[in-house]
Protein backbone atom coordinates (compact mmCIF):
# COMPACT_ATOMS: atom_id res chain seq x y z
CA UNK A 1 22.94 -8.22 -7.93
CA UNK A 2 21.98 -9.82 -11.17
CA UNK A 3 18.85 -9.01 -13.11
CA UNK A 4 17.03 -12.23 -12.16
CA UNK A 5 17.39 -11.56 -8.42
CA UNK A 6 16.39 -7.97 -8.84
CA UNK A 7 13.29 -9.02 -10.80
CA UNK A 8 12.38 -11.51 -8.08
CA UNK A 9 13.01 -8.90 -5.34
CA UNK A 10 10.71 -6.34 -6.87
CA UNK A 11 8.08 -8.96 -7.78
CA UNK A 12 7.85 -10.06 -4.06
CA UNK A 13 7.92 -6.44 -2.86
CA UNK A 14 5.03 -5.65 -5.16
CA UNK A 15 3.02 -8.65 -4.11
CA UNK A 16 3.54 -8.23 -0.35
CA UNK A 17 2.94 -4.51 -0.34
CA UNK A 18 -0.06 -4.91 -2.67
CA UNK A 19 -1.61 -7.46 -0.32
CA UNK A 20 -1.02 -5.16 2.63
CA UNK A 21 -2.70 -2.32 0.72
CA UNK A 22 -5.68 -4.53 -0.13
CA UNK A 23 -5.97 -5.81 3.46
CA UNK A 24 -5.82 -2.26 4.80
CA UNK A 25 -8.52 -1.19 2.37
CA UNK A 26 -10.65 -4.13 3.31
CA UNK A 27 -10.18 -3.34 6.97
CA UNK A 28 -11.35 0.23 6.49
CA UNK A 29 -14.38 -0.91 4.44
CA UNK A 30 -15.38 -3.79 6.72
CA UNK A 31 -14.60 -2.33 10.14
CA UNK A 32 -14.79 1.41 9.53
CA UNK A 33 -17.21 2.15 12.31
CA UNK A 34 -15.24 0.33 14.92
CA UNK A 35 -11.95 1.85 13.78
CA UNK A 36 -13.41 5.40 13.67
CA UNK A 37 -14.89 5.03 17.20
CA UNK A 38 -11.70 3.59 18.62
CA UNK A 39 -9.40 6.22 17.12
CA UNK A 40 -11.72 9.12 17.97
CA UNK A 41 -11.78 7.96 21.61
CA UNK A 42 -7.97 7.37 21.78
CA UNK A 43 -6.93 10.66 20.18
CA UNK A 44 -9.93 12.88 20.97
CA UNK A 45 -10.66 13.76 17.36
CA UNK A 46 -13.86 13.56 15.39
CA UNK A 47 -14.71 10.56 13.29
CA UNK A 48 -14.61 12.76 10.19
CA UNK A 49 -10.98 13.61 10.92
CA UNK A 50 -10.21 9.90 11.42
CA UNK A 51 -11.74 9.11 8.05
CA UNK A 52 -9.85 11.81 6.33
CA UNK A 53 -6.59 10.70 7.90
CA UNK A 54 -7.13 7.04 7.07
CA UNK A 55 -7.99 7.79 3.42
CA UNK A 56 -5.01 10.16 3.13
CA UNK A 57 -2.67 7.54 4.45
CA UNK A 58 -4.03 4.81 2.19
CA UNK A 59 -3.73 7.11 -0.78
CA UNK A 60 -0.11 7.93 0.14
CA UNK A 61 0.67 4.25 0.59
CA UNK A 62 -0.88 3.51 -2.85
CA UNK A 63 1.23 6.22 -4.48
CA UNK A 64 4.38 4.94 -2.77
CA UNK A 65 3.47 1.38 -3.76
CA UNK A 66 3.20 2.45 -7.43
CA UNK A 67 6.40 4.45 -7.33
CA UNK A 68 8.66 2.18 -5.33
CA UNK A 69 7.31 -1.37 -6.18
CA UNK A 70 5.20 -1.59 -9.22
CA UNK A 71 7.00 0.81 -11.59
CA UNK A 72 10.57 -0.58 -10.79
CA UNK A 73 9.24 -4.14 -11.26
CA UNK A 74 7.71 -3.33 -14.63
CA UNK A 75 10.97 -1.56 -15.63
CA UNK A 76 13.02 -4.64 -14.71
CA UNK A 77 10.63 -6.86 -16.63
CA UNK A 78 11.02 -4.69 -19.72
CA UNK A 79 14.81 -4.61 -19.40
CA UNK A 80 14.99 -8.37 -18.92
CA UNK A 81 12.96 -8.92 -22.16
CA UNK A 82 15.50 -7.08 -24.17
CA UNK A 83 18.30 -9.57 -23.31
């Protein structure tokens, strides 16, 4: 795979996963009460546990997004400027 295709691949991965991260965050902010109520009924856990789980998963997703999408994209951009 050449550098141009690799750059395009990481760019689209970063954009798509970043959009999913933003949509997930917006969903939690805008519909948190509904989500907490639904999940606490389905899984028989407290709304506090649901909130902790959601924020933990969003934080993990953000760390993975940085590590596997954004950082490799920036590295490929830096490498491609050297040529």
